[in-house]
């Protein structure tokens, strides 16, 4: 299943002031997605070519997402990992998620977890025929990959050869934190099959996701729209029925919407639409990440993440702890989650 987005050609220039002149004009498109009878506009998040730490602190941190176009394009990871990632890693056993519905990836209720050798798993997930003459073979391989979708995560600190390919110092500078304040054990490399989807959820941390191989699409909703997504469930028991909720009320996935927003959007399930009309009032925005892009997602911002259908994806997720932020700066849903 995929969204049928259609891009417009309009360009939007960022005219906000910059303290250092590092910000440049940003291109942003507006997408449409089919919602039953009509089409609803889903604007792009802001797209910047560069941003300095001072402007980031004032305009984006804890406030709104921003797509930093090409911010990781100079990383060795972006330049080399697409060639043969399996040859760069040290062998280890890793956890792989396999979704029950071959679409939605979320630990516990929606996935089975297996432990497999890393190199063989990377080979099967990422190896595609190269060259123009191999296009037919590539299409067949992508189609085969999509039949049994998988999600794999390895931690960067367990792979020293990979860690040196990721420029974490640049992200630490953006957040104005020392390198030793970053928990390297939390920095993960995510590898996914074409069409993998992480359901609508929010995180308690600041998230910087660098796209290394392939493309990913984020569909985002601001924190204040949490009630429209039937969260927290205990306050929305009358609107979350057993027929439309794919996340049970006692789920360990505490920060996930019980509504299958992807199914709601594509209109294939009338029950989900009928039981959750509030989703229509959400303010959606999107970000389409190409290799070398970095997306900043503030704590509390809801996001549904899809690996695009044309091929597998490799991303590096760098989380920054919110404990250094003042409580008053955190959105209400994060404060509720921290108090639970």
C-alpha atoms as a PDB file:
ATOM      1  CA  UNK A   1       0.000   0.000   0.000  1.00  0.00           C
ATOM      2  CA  UNK A   2       1.241   3.489  -0.755  1.00  0.00           C
ATOM      3  CA  UNK A   3      -0.010   7.057  -0.749  1.00  0.00           C
ATOM      4  CA  UNK A   4      -0.601   8.575  -4.169  1.00  0.00           C
ATOM      5  CA  UNK A   5       1.042  11.938  -3.618  1.00  0.00           C
ATOM      6  CA  UNK A   6       1.231  14.533  -6.358  1.00  0.00           C
ATOM      7  CA  UNK A   7       3.749  17.356  -6.135  1.00  0.00           C
ATOM      8  CA  UNK A   8       3.249  20.927  -7.273  1.00  0.00           C
ATOM      9  CA  UNK A   9       6.079  22.941  -8.773  1.00  0.00           C
ATOM     10  CA  UNK A  10       5.780  26.027  -6.581  1.00  0.00           C
ATOM     11  CA  UNK A  11       8.834  27.321  -4.719  1.00  0.00           C
ATOM     12  CA  UNK A  12       8.750  28.955  -1.311  1.00  0.00           C
ATOM     13  CA  UNK A  13      11.546  31.214  -0.189  1.00  0.00           C
ATOM     14  CA  UNK A  14      12.518  31.389   3.477  1.00  0.00           C
ATOM     15  CA  UNK A  15      12.766  35.070   4.353  1.00  0.00           C
ATOM     16  CA  UNK A  16      13.415  34.647   8.081  1.00  0.00           C
ATOM     17  CA  UNK A  17      16.394  36.572   9.462  1.00  0.00           C
ATOM     18  CA  UNK A  18      19.686  34.751   9.994  1.00  0.00           C
ATOM     19  CA  UNK A  19      22.234  35.784  12.568  1.00  0.00           C
ATOM     20  CA  UNK A  20      25.139  34.544  10.495  1.00  0.00           C
ATOM     21  CA  UNK A  21      23.930  34.535   6.922  1.00  0.00           C
ATOM     22  CA  UNK A  22      24.243  30.736   6.887  1.00  0.00           C
ATOM     23  CA  UNK A  23      20.632  30.222   5.883  1.00  0.00           C
ATOM     24  CA  UNK A  24      19.808  30.233   2.219  1.00  0.00           C
ATOM     25  CA  UNK A  25      16.610  30.304   0.238  1.00  0.00           C
ATOM     26  CA  UNK A  26      14.728  27.065   0.808  1.00  0.00           C
ATOM     27  CA  UNK A  27      12.660  25.211  -1.728  1.00  0.00           C
ATOM     28  CA  UNK A  28       9.430  23.677  -0.487  1.00  0.00           C
ATOM     29  CA  UNK A  29       6.705  21.941  -2.405  1.00  0.00           C
ATOM     30  CA  UNK A  30       3.118  21.249  -1.530  1.00  0.00           C
ATOM     31  CA  UNK A  31       1.727  17.754  -1.888  1.00  0.00           C
ATOM     32  CA  UNK A  32      -1.762  16.416  -2.169  1.00  0.00           C
ATOM     33  CA  UNK A  33      -2.990  13.057  -1.008  1.00  0.00           C
ATOM     34  CA  UNK A  34      -6.351  11.490  -1.837  1.00  0.00           C
ATOM     35  CA  UNK A  35      -8.728  11.404   1.097  1.00  0.00           C
ATOM     36  CA  UNK A  36     -11.927   9.707   0.039  1.00  0.00           C
ATOM     37  CA  UNK A  37     -13.967  12.230  -1.915  1.00  0.00           C
ATOM     38  CA  UNK A  38     -11.468  15.068  -2.064  1.00  0.00           C
ATOM     39  CA  UNK A  39      -7.867  16.136  -1.756  1.00  0.00           C
ATOM     40  CA  UNK A  40      -6.281  17.678   1.319  1.00  0.00           C
ATOM     41  CA  UNK A  41      -3.214  19.869   1.133  1.00  0.00           C
ATOM     42  CA  UNK A  42      -0.194  18.652   3.087  1.00  0.00           C
ATOM     43  CA  UNK A  43       2.500  21.343   3.013  1.00  0.00           C
ATOM     44  CA  UNK A  44       6.179  20.537   3.246  1.00  0.00           C
ATOM     45  CA  UNK A  45       8.056  21.235   6.437  1.00  0.00           C
ATOM     46  CA  UNK A  46      10.556  24.054   6.043  1.00  0.00           C
ATOM     47  CA  UNK A  47      13.524  23.085   3.899  1.00  0.00           C
ATOM     48  CA  UNK A  48      16.862  24.789   4.596  1.00  0.00           C
ATOM     49  CA  UNK A  49      20.182  24.506   2.817  1.00  0.00           C
ATOM     50  CA  UNK A  50      22.049  25.472   5.983  1.00  0.00           C
ATOM     51  CA  UNK A  51      21.274  26.692   9.491  1.00  0.00           C
ATOM     52  CA  UNK A  52      23.578  27.846  12.265  1.00  0.00           C
ATOM     53  CA  UNK A  53      23.245  26.862  15.912  1.00  0.00           C
ATOM     54  CA  UNK A  54      21.900  30.266  17.018  1.00  0.00           C
ATOM     55  CA  UNK A  55      19.076  30.302  14.469  1.00  0.00           C
ATOM     56  CA  UNK A  56      18.289  26.629  15.128  1.00  0.00           C
ATOM     57  CA  UNK A  57      17.881  27.344  18.854  1.00  0.00           C
ATOM     58  CA  UNK A  58      15.568  30.293  18.256  1.00  0.00           C
ATOM     59  CA  UNK A  59      13.443  29.038  15.382  1.00  0.00           C
ATOM     60  CA  UNK A  60      13.327  25.234  15.431  1.00  0.00           C
ATOM     61  CA  UNK A  61      14.482  23.576  18.642  1.00  0.00           C
ATOM     62  CA  UNK A  62      11.418  22.383  20.566  1.00  0.00           C
ATOM     63  CA  UNK A  63       9.263  24.317  18.100  1.00  0.00           C
ATOM     64  CA  UNK A  64       8.919  22.711  14.674  1.00  0.00           C
ATOM     65  CA  UNK A  65      10.562  20.250  12.273  1.00  0.00           C
ATOM     66  CA  UNK A  66      13.053  21.359   9.663  1.00  0.00           C
ATOM     67  CA  UNK A  67      14.583  19.459   6.743  1.00  0.00           C
ATOM     68  CA  UNK A  68      18.270  20.267   6.329  1.00  0.00           C
ATOM     69  CA  UNK A  69      18.843  19.586   2.653  1.00  0.00           C
ATOM     70  CA  UNK A  70      22.196  17.912   1.996  1.00  0.00           C
ATOM     71  CA  UNK A  71      23.459  18.339   5.568  1.00  0.00           C
ATOM     72  CA  UNK A  72      24.907  14.810   5.537  1.00  0.00           C
ATOM     73  CA  UNK A  73      25.928  14.729   1.878  1.00  0.00           C
ATOM     74  CA  UNK A  74      29.633  15.054   2.754  1.00  0.00           C
ATOM     75  CA  UNK A  75      29.571  12.183   5.247  1.00  0.00           C
ATOM     76  CA  UNK A  76      31.555   9.102   4.285  1.00  0.00           C
ATOM     77  CA  UNK A  77      28.450   7.109   5.180  1.00  0.00           C
ATOM     78  CA  UNK A  78      26.464   8.830   2.425  1.00  0.00           C
ATOM     79  CA  UNK A  79      29.273   8.361  -0.091  1.00  0.00           C
ATOM     80  CA  UNK A  80      30.182   4.752   0.669  1.00  0.00           C
ATOM     81  CA  UNK A  81      27.468   2.763   2.437  1.00  0.00           C
ATOM     82  CA  UNK A  82      25.342   2.345  -0.688  1.00  0.00           C
ATOM     83  CA  UNK A  83      28.164   0.428  -2.358  1.00  0.00           C
ATOM     84  CA  UNK A  84      28.496  -2.513   0.028  1.00  0.00           C
ATOM     85  CA  UNK A  85      27.529  -1.872   3.645  1.00  0.00           C
ATOM     86  CA  UNK A  86      27.908  -5.544   4.594  1.00  0.00           C
ATOM     87  CA  UNK A  87      31.637  -5.413   3.819  1.00  0.00           C
ATOM     88  CA  UNK A  88      32.122  -2.505   6.265  1.00  0.00           C
ATOM     89  CA  UNK A  89      30.575  -4.065   9.365  1.00  0.00           C
ATOM     90  CA  UNK A  90      31.934  -6.488  11.909  1.00  0.00           C
ATOM     91  CA  UNK A  91      29.896  -9.666  12.185  1.00  0.00           C
ATOM     92  CA  UNK A  92      27.416  -9.815  15.025  1.00  0.00           C
ATOM     93  CA  UNK A  93      23.917 -11.053  15.685  1.00  0.00           C
ATOM     94  CA  UNK A  94      21.229  -8.383  15.304  1.00  0.00           C
ATOM     95  CA  UNK A  95      17.532  -8.131  15.982  1.00  0.00           C
ATOM     96  CA  UNK A  96      15.276  -8.025  12.928  1.00  0.00           C
ATOM     97  CA  UNK A  97      11.596  -7.089  12.985  1.00  0.00           C
ATOM     98  CA  UNK A  98       9.084  -8.811  10.708  1.00  0.00           C
ATOM     99  CA  UNK A  99       5.616  -7.223  10.608  1.00  0.00           C
ATOM    100  CA  UNK A 100       2.525  -9.415  10.982  1.00  0.00           C
ATOM    101  CA  UNK A 101       0.738  -7.425   8.255  1.00  0.00           C
ATOM    102  CA  UNK A 102       3.918  -6.975   6.167  1.00  0.00           C
ATOM    103  CA  UNK A 103       3.564  -3.203   6.548  1.00  0.00           C
ATOM    104  CA  UNK A 104       3.430  -1.762  10.087  1.00  0.00           C
ATOM    105  CA  UNK A 105       6.619  -1.994  12.127  1.00  0.00           C
ATOM    106  CA  UNK A 106       6.236  -1.565  15.871  1.00  0.00           C
ATOM    107  CA  UNK A 107       7.714  -3.780  18.551  1.00  0.00           C
ATOM    108  CA  UNK A 108       5.567  -6.088  20.660  1.00  0.00           C
ATOM    109  CA  UNK A 109       2.051  -6.160  19.165  1.00  0.00           C
ATOM    110  CA  UNK A 110       2.715  -5.666  15.461  1.00  0.00           C
ATOM    111  CA  UNK A 111       5.972  -7.538  14.864  1.00  0.00           C
ATOM    112  CA  UNK A 112       7.884 -10.704  15.454  1.00  0.00           C
ATOM    113  CA  UNK A 113      11.493 -10.300  16.533  1.00  0.00           C
ATOM    114  CA  UNK A 114      14.221 -12.628  15.334  1.00  0.00           C
ATOM    115  CA  UNK A 115      17.988 -12.633  15.798  1.00  0.00           C
ATOM    116  CA  UNK A 116      20.074 -13.141  12.651  1.00  0.00           C
ATOM    117  CA  UNK A 117      23.709 -12.735  11.494  1.00  0.00           C
ATOM    118  CA  UNK A 118      24.273  -9.123  10.453  1.00  0.00           C
ATOM    119  CA  UNK A 119      26.254  -9.538   7.217  1.00  0.00           C
ATOM    120  CA  UNK A 120      23.849 -12.001   5.614  1.00  0.00           C
ATOM    121  CA  UNK A 121      20.884  -9.880   6.602  1.00  0.00           C
ATOM    122  CA  UNK A 122      22.416  -6.721   5.110  1.00  0.00           C
ATOM    123  CA  UNK A 123      23.240  -8.598   1.915  1.00  0.00           C
ATOM    124  CA  UNK A 124      19.652  -9.731   1.477  1.00  0.00           C
ATOM    125  CA  UNK A 125      18.182  -6.357   2.440  1.00  0.00           C
ATOM    126  CA  UNK A 126      20.428  -4.053   0.422  1.00  0.00           C
ATOM    127  CA  UNK A 127      22.109  -5.866  -2.441  1.00  0.00           C
ATOM    128  CA  UNK A 128      20.695  -4.655  -5.752  1.00  0.00           C
ATOM    129  CA  UNK A 129      22.008  -5.242  -9.279  1.00  0.00           C
ATOM    130  CA  UNK A 130      23.949  -2.214 -10.549  1.00  0.00           C
ATOM    131  CA  UNK A 131      24.114  -0.661 -14.010  1.00  0.00           C
ATOM    132  CA  UNK A 132      21.621   0.338 -16.664  1.00  0.00           C
ATOM    133  CA  UNK A 133      21.477  -3.188 -18.088  1.00  0.00           C
ATOM    134  CA  UNK A 134      20.395  -4.496 -14.676  1.00  0.00           C
ATOM    135  CA  UNK A 135      17.265  -2.336 -14.332  1.00  0.00           C
ATOM    136  CA  UNK A 136      14.903  -5.257 -14.961  1.00  0.00           C
ATOM    137  CA  UNK A 137      16.752  -7.371 -12.411  1.00  0.00           C
ATOM    138  CA  UNK A 138      16.649  -4.500  -9.935  1.00  0.00           C
ATOM    139  CA  UNK A 139      12.870  -4.136 -10.294  1.00  0.00           C
ATOM    140  CA  UNK A 140      12.445  -7.870  -9.699  1.00  0.00           C
ATOM    141  CA  UNK A 141      14.691  -7.740  -6.615  1.00  0.00           C
ATOM    142  CA  UNK A 142      12.781  -4.777  -5.139  1.00  0.00           C
ATOM    143  CA  UNK A 143       9.504  -6.595  -5.724  1.00  0.00           C
ATOM    144  CA  UNK A 144      10.929  -9.675  -4.005  1.00  0.00           C
ATOM    145  CA  UNK A 145      12.157  -7.562  -1.053  1.00  0.00           C
ATOM    146  CA  UNK A 146       8.671  -6.144  -0.560  1.00  0.00           C
ATOM    147  CA  UNK A 147       7.096  -9.591  -0.220  1.00  0.00           C
ATOM    148  CA  UNK A 148       8.625 -10.053   3.238  1.00  0.00           C
ATOM    149  CA  UNK A 149       9.449  -6.632   4.637  1.00  0.00           C
ATOM    150  CA  UNK A 150      12.018  -6.399   7.403  1.00  0.00           C
ATOM    151  CA  UNK A 151      13.433  -3.727   9.688  1.00  0.00           C
ATOM    152  CA  UNK A 152      16.914  -4.031  11.172  1.00  0.00           C
ATOM    153  CA  UNK A 153      18.652  -1.828  13.707  1.00  0.00           C
ATOM    154  CA  UNK A 154      22.279  -1.866  14.791  1.00  0.00           C
ATOM    155  CA  UNK A 155      23.910   0.495  17.258  1.00  0.00           C
ATOM    156  CA  UNK A 156      26.685   2.696  15.971  1.00  0.00           C
ATOM    157  CA  UNK A 157      28.949   2.238  19.002  1.00  0.00           C
ATOM    158  CA  UNK A 158      29.047  -1.513  18.285  1.00  0.00           C
ATOM    159  CA  UNK A 159      30.435  -0.857  14.803  1.00  0.00           C
ATOM    160  CA  UNK A 160      33.567   1.364  15.054  1.00  0.00           C
ATOM    161  CA  UNK A 161      34.127   1.247  11.272  1.00  0.00           C
ATOM    162  CA  UNK A 162      30.690   2.769  10.743  1.00  0.00           C
ATOM    163  CA  UNK A 163      30.903   5.284  13.579  1.00  0.00           C
ATOM    164  CA  UNK A 164      33.832   7.082  11.944  1.00  0.00           C
ATOM    165  CA  UNK A 165      31.708   7.536   8.791  1.00  0.00           C
ATOM    166  CA  UNK A 166      29.054   9.590  10.611  1.00  0.00           C
ATOM    167  CA  UNK A 167      29.836  13.209  11.510  1.00  0.00           C
ATOM    168  CA  UNK A 168      28.194  13.387  14.923  1.00  0.00           C
ATOM    169  CA  UNK A 169      30.239  16.456  15.899  1.00  0.00           C
ATOM    170  CA  UNK A 170      28.280  18.590  13.409  1.00  0.00           C
ATOM    171  CA  UNK A 171      24.972  17.600  15.004  1.00  0.00           C
ATOM    172  CA  UNK A 172      26.364  18.159  18.507  1.00  0.00           C
ATOM    173  CA  UNK A 173      27.377  21.662  17.417  1.00  0.00           C
ATOM    174  CA  UNK A 174      23.865  22.303  16.109  1.00  0.00           C
ATOM    175  CA  UNK A 175      22.429  21.341  19.521  1.00  0.00           C
ATOM    176  CA  UNK A 176      25.219  23.116  21.385  1.00  0.00           C
ATOM    177  CA  UNK A 177      26.157  20.055  23.413  1.00  0.00           C
ATOM    178  CA  UNK A 178      29.498  18.379  23.972  1.00  0.00           C
ATOM    179  CA  UNK A 179      30.174  15.089  22.195  1.00  0.00           C
ATOM    180  CA  UNK A 180      30.388  13.249  25.532  1.00  0.00           C
ATOM    181  CA  UNK A 181      26.820  14.397  26.316  1.00  0.00           C
ATOM    182  CA  UNK A 182      25.551  12.389  23.357  1.00  0.00           C
ATOM    183  CA  UNK A 183      24.712   8.816  24.279  1.00  0.00           C
ATOM    184  CA  UNK A 184      26.435   7.020  21.427  1.00  0.00           C
ATOM    185  CA  UNK A 185      24.773   3.791  22.571  1.00  0.00           C
ATOM    186  CA  UNK A 186      21.446   5.299  21.459  1.00  0.00           C
ATOM    187  CA  UNK A 187      22.571   6.242  17.949  1.00  0.00           C
ATOM    188  CA  UNK A 188      21.103   3.636  15.635  1.00  0.00           C
ATOM    189  CA  UNK A 189      21.498   2.605  12.004  1.00  0.00           C
ATOM    190  CA  UNK A 190      18.107   1.590  10.627  1.00  0.00           C
ATOM    191  CA  UNK A 191      17.876  -0.607   7.532  1.00  0.00           C
ATOM    192  CA  UNK A 192      14.450  -1.265   6.005  1.00  0.00           C
ATOM    193  CA  UNK A 193      12.823  -3.006   3.053  1.00  0.00           C
ATOM    194  CA  UNK A 194      10.831  -1.042   0.451  1.00  0.00           C
ATOM    195  CA  UNK A 195       7.391  -0.094   1.767  1.00  0.00           C
ATOM    196  CA  UNK A 196       8.159  -0.510   5.487  1.00  0.00           C
ATOM    197  CA  UNK A 197       6.077   1.788   7.649  1.00  0.00           C
ATOM    198  CA  UNK A 198       6.390   2.968  11.249  1.00  0.00           C
ATOM    199  CA  UNK A 199       2.885   3.919  12.524  1.00  0.00           C
ATOM    200  CA  UNK A 200       1.989   7.393  13.784  1.00  0.00           C
ATOM    201  CA  UNK A 201       3.851   7.977  17.063  1.00  0.00           C
ATOM    202  CA  UNK A 202       5.877  10.574  18.948  1.00  0.00           C
ATOM    203  CA  UNK A 203       9.200  10.432  20.800  1.00  0.00           C
ATOM    204  CA  UNK A 204      10.337  11.967  24.068  1.00  0.00           C
ATOM    205  CA  UNK A 205      13.672  13.018  22.584  1.00  0.00           C
ATOM    206  CA  UNK A 206      14.887  15.422  19.948  1.00  0.00           C
ATOM    207  CA  UNK A 207      15.402  13.384  16.797  1.00  0.00           C
ATOM    208  CA  UNK A 208      17.855  13.982  13.952  1.00  0.00           C
ATOM    209  CA  UNK A 209      17.454  11.417  11.188  1.00  0.00           C
ATOM    210  CA  UNK A 210      20.109  11.376   8.475  1.00  0.00           C
ATOM    211  CA  UNK A 211      19.098   9.611   5.270  1.00  0.00           C
ATOM    212  CA  UNK A 212      22.010   7.614   3.877  1.00  0.00           C
ATOM    213  CA  UNK A 213      20.607   5.204   1.263  1.00  0.00           C
ATOM    214  CA  UNK A 214      17.223   5.322  -0.483  1.00  0.00           C
ATOM    215  CA  UNK A 215      14.354   7.636   0.387  1.00  0.00           C
ATOM    216  CA  UNK A 216      11.957   8.007   3.306  1.00  0.00           C
ATOM    217  CA  UNK A 217       8.754  10.014   3.697  1.00  0.00           C
ATOM    218  CA  UNK A 218       7.662  11.518   7.012  1.00  0.00           C
ATOM    219  CA  UNK A 219       4.057  12.548   7.573  1.00  0.00           C
ATOM    220  CA  UNK A 220       3.999  14.834  10.617  1.00  0.00           C
ATOM    221  CA  UNK A 221       1.330  16.165  12.978  1.00  0.00           C
ATOM    222  CA  UNK A 222       1.959  18.789  15.724  1.00  0.00           C
ATOM    223  CA  UNK A 223       1.779  17.819  19.421  1.00  0.00           C
ATOM    224  CA  UNK A 224      -1.417  19.786  20.088  1.00  0.00           C
ATOM    225  CA  UNK A 225      -3.295  17.460  17.725  1.00  0.00           C
ATOM    226  CA  UNK A 226      -2.779  14.468  20.050  1.00  0.00           C
ATOM    227  CA  UNK A 227      -6.510  14.321  21.022  1.00  0.00           C
ATOM    228  CA  UNK A 228      -7.415  14.142  17.326  1.00  0.00           C
ATOM    229  CA  UNK A 229      -5.282  10.995  17.143  1.00  0.00           C
ATOM    230  CA  UNK A 230      -7.128   9.461  20.146  1.00  0.00           C
ATOM    231  CA  UNK A 231      -4.169   9.854  22.490  1.00  0.00           C
ATOM    232  CA  UNK A 232      -3.870   9.118  25.329  1.00  0.00           C
ATOM    233  CA  UNK A 233      -6.152   6.115  24.842  1.00  0.00           C
ATOM    234  CA  UNK A 234      -7.476   6.119  28.390  1.00  0.00           C
ATOM    235  CA  UNK A 235      -9.095   9.487  27.673  1.00  0.00           C
ATOM    236  CA  UNK A 236     -10.590   8.297  24.366  1.00  0.00           C
ATOM    237  CA  UNK A 237     -12.097   4.919  25.243  1.00  0.00           C
ATOM    238  CA  UNK A 238     -15.416   5.859  23.692  1.00  0.00           C
ATOM    239  CA  UNK A 239     -13.782   6.610  20.328  1.00  0.00           C
ATOM    240  CA  UNK A 240     -11.345   3.697  20.176  1.00  0.00           C
ATOM    241  CA  UNK A 241     -13.179   0.465  19.459  1.00  0.00           C
ATOM    242  CA  UNK A 242     -11.792  -3.017  19.070  1.00  0.00           C
ATOM    243  CA  UNK A 243     -12.642  -2.956  15.352  1.00  0.00           C
ATOM    244  CA  UNK A 244     -10.645   0.145  14.476  1.00  0.00           C
ATOM    245  CA  UNK A 245      -7.791   0.133  17.006  1.00  0.00           C
ATOM    246  CA  UNK A 246      -4.729  -1.739  15.889  1.00  0.00           C
ATOM    247  CA  UNK A 247      -2.832  -0.831  19.084  1.00  0.00           C
ATOM    248  CA  UNK A 248      -4.433  -2.355  22.219  1.00  0.00           C
ATOM    249  CA  UNK A 249      -5.192  -0.130  25.206  1.00  0.00           C
ATOM    250  CA  UNK A 250      -2.628  -1.941  27.379  1.00  0.00           C
ATOM    251  CA  UNK A 251       0.089  -1.670  24.717  1.00  0.00           C
ATOM    252  CA  UNK A 252       3.728  -1.212  25.682  1.00  0.00           C
ATOM    253  CA  UNK A 253       3.918   1.268  22.811  1.00  0.00           C
ATOM    254  CA  UNK A 254       2.717   4.126  24.980  1.00  0.00           C
ATOM    255  CA  UNK A 255       3.429   6.908  22.504  1.00  0.00           C
ATOM    256  CA  UNK A 256       1.635   5.503  19.453  1.00  0.00           C
ATOM    257  CA  UNK A 257      -1.790   6.508  18.118  1.00  0.00           C
ATOM    258  CA  UNK A 258      -4.301   3.634  18.315  1.00  0.00           C
ATOM    259  CA  UNK A 259      -5.611   4.753  14.923  1.00  0.00           C
ATOM    260  CA  UNK A 260      -4.101   3.229  11.786  1.00  0.00           C
ATOM    261  CA  UNK A 261      -3.572   6.640  10.197  1.00  0.00           C
ATOM    262  CA  UNK A 262      -2.150   5.131   7.023  1.00  0.00           C
ATOM    263  CA  UNK A 263      -5.342   3.138   6.419  1.00  0.00           C
ATOM    264  CA  UNK A 264      -7.424   6.189   7.393  1.00  0.00           C
ATOM    265  CA  UNK A 265      -5.638   8.257   4.742  1.00  0.00           C
ATOM    266  CA  UNK A 266      -5.930   5.797   1.882  1.00  0.00           C
ATOM    267  CA  UNK A 267      -9.657   5.367   2.549  1.00  0.00           C
ATOM    268  CA  UNK A 268      -9.684   1.573   2.200  1.00  0.00           C
ATOM    269  CA  UNK A 269     -11.423   0.953   5.540  1.00  0.00           C
ATOM    270  CA  UNK A 270     -14.745   2.748   5.988  1.00  0.00           C
ATOM    271  CA  UNK A 271     -14.958   1.745   9.669  1.00  0.00           C
ATOM    272  CA  UNK A 272     -11.711   3.519  10.515  1.00  0.00           C
ATOM    273  CA  UNK A 273     -12.898   6.669   8.735  1.00  0.00           C
ATOM    274  CA  UNK A 274     -16.321   6.574  10.387  1.00  0.00           C
ATOM    275  CA  UNK A 275     -15.042   5.961  13.911  1.00  0.00           C
ATOM    276  CA  UNK A 276     -12.258   8.547  13.754  1.00  0.00           C
ATOM    277  CA  UNK A 277     -13.548  11.637  11.922  1.00  0.00           C
ATOM    278  CA  UNK A 278     -11.227  13.765  14.083  1.00  0.00           C
ATOM    279  CA  UNK A 279      -8.216  12.740  11.965  1.00  0.00           C
ATOM    280  CA  UNK A 280      -9.608  14.947   9.213  1.00  0.00           C
ATOM    281  CA  UNK A 281      -8.887  17.961  11.441  1.00  0.00           C
ATOM    282  CA  UNK A 282      -5.211  17.140  11.972  1.00  0.00           C
ATOM    283  CA  UNK A 283      -2.688  19.534  10.496  1.00  0.00           C
ATOM    284  CA  UNK A 284      -0.516  17.282   8.353  1.00  0.00           C
ATOM    285  CA  UNK A 285       2.843  18.247   6.906  1.00  0.00           C
ATOM    286  CA  UNK A 286       5.396  16.088   5.126  1.00  0.00           C
ATOM    287  CA  UNK A 287       9.091  15.680   4.505  1.00  0.00           C
ATOM    288  CA  UNK A 288      10.616  13.602   1.726  1.00  0.00           C
ATOM    289  CA  UNK A 289      14.207  12.680   2.544  1.00  0.00           C
ATOM    290  CA  UNK A 290      16.811  12.004  -0.124  1.00  0.00           C
ATOM    291  CA  UNK A 291      20.301  10.611   0.583  1.00  0.00           C
ATOM    292  CA  UNK A 292      22.306  13.273   2.429  1.00  0.00           C
ATOM    293  CA  UNK A 293      19.271  15.004   3.996  1.00  0.00           C
ATOM    294  CA  UNK A 294      18.782  15.399   7.757  1.00  0.00           C
ATOM    295  CA  UNK A 295      15.337  15.863   9.337  1.00  0.00           C
ATOM    296  CA  UNK A 296      14.978  17.390  12.787  1.00  0.00           C
ATOM    297  CA  UNK A 297      11.820  16.278  14.635  1.00  0.00           C
ATOM    298  CA  UNK A 298      11.130  17.978  17.999  1.00  0.00           C
ATOM    299  CA  UNK A 299       9.941  15.926  20.982  1.00  0.00           C
ATOM    300  CA  UNK A 300       6.199  15.348  20.935  1.00  0.00           C
ATOM    301  CA  UNK A 301       5.751  15.786  17.179  1.00  0.00           C
ATOM    302  CA  UNK A 302       3.803  12.898  15.722  1.00  0.00           C
ATOM    303  CA  UNK A 303       5.289  11.181  12.681  1.00  0.00           C
ATOM    304  CA  UNK A 304       4.421   8.302  10.375  1.00  0.00           C
ATOM    305  CA  UNK A 305       7.490   7.090   8.483  1.00  0.00           C
ATOM    306  CA  UNK A 306       7.496   5.173   5.197  1.00  0.00           C
ATOM    307  CA  UNK A 307      10.393   3.696   3.242  1.00  0.00           C
ATOM    308  CA  UNK A 308       9.663   4.543  -0.383  1.00  0.00           C
ATOM    309  CA  UNK A 309       8.724   1.680  -2.679  1.00  0.00           C
ATOM    310  CA  UNK A 310      11.570   2.029  -5.184  1.00  0.00           C
ATOM    311  CA  UNK A 311      14.204   0.462  -2.937  1.00  0.00           C
ATOM    312  CA  UNK A 312      15.562  -0.227   0.549  1.00  0.00           C
ATOM    313  CA  UNK A 313      16.619   2.469   3.001  1.00  0.00           C
ATOM    314  CA  UNK A 314      19.487   3.089   5.407  1.00  0.00           C
ATOM    315  CA  UNK A 315      19.136   5.891   7.956  1.00  0.00           C
ATOM    316  CA  UNK A 316      21.073   7.038  11.008  1.00  0.00           C
ATOM    317  CA  UNK A 317      18.929   8.238  13.915  1.00  0.00           C
ATOM    318  CA  UNK A 318      20.653  10.515  16.426  1.00  0.00           C
ATOM    319  CA  UNK A 319      18.499  11.206  19.513  1.00  0.00           C
ATOM    320  CA  UNK A 320      19.209  14.067  21.921  1.00  0.00           C
ATOM    321  CA  UNK A 321      17.817  13.879  25.455  1.00  0.00           C
ATOM    322  CA  UNK A 322      15.163  16.433  26.476  1.00  0.00           C
ATOM    323  CA  UNK A 323      16.211  16.450  30.125  1.00  0.00           C
ATOM    324  CA  UNK A 324      18.446  19.455  29.447  1.00  0.00           C
ATOM    325  CA  UNK A 325      15.382  21.447  28.355  1.00  0.00           C
ATOM    326  CA  UNK A 326      13.099  23.369  30.664  1.00  0.00           C
ATOM    327  CA  UNK A 327       9.825  21.578  31.361  1.00  0.00           C
ATOM    328  CA  UNK A 328       7.847  24.603  30.212  1.00  0.00           C
ATOM    329  CA  UNK A 329       9.390  24.236  26.749  1.00  0.00           C
ATOM    330  CA  UNK A 330       8.149  20.674  26.287  1.00  0.00           C
ATOM    331  CA  UNK A 331       4.796  20.024  24.581  1.00  0.00           C
ATOM    332  CA  UNK A 332       1.887  18.822  26.676  1.00  0.00           C
ATOM    333  CA  UNK A 333       1.922  15.243  25.381  1.00  0.00           C
ATOM    334  CA  UNK A 334       5.611  14.849  26.337  1.00  0.00           C
ATOM    335  CA  UNK A 335       4.955  16.269  29.794  1.00  0.00           C
ATOM    336  CA  UNK A 336       2.080  13.823  30.241  1.00  0.00           C
ATOM    337  CA  UNK A 337       4.288  10.942  29.114  1.00  0.00           C
ATOM    338  CA  UNK A 338       7.101  11.943  31.500  1.00  0.00           C
ATOM    339  CA  UNK A 339       4.667  12.085  34.412  1.00  0.00           C
ATOM    340  CA  UNK A 340       3.091   8.682  33.645  1.00  0.00           C
END
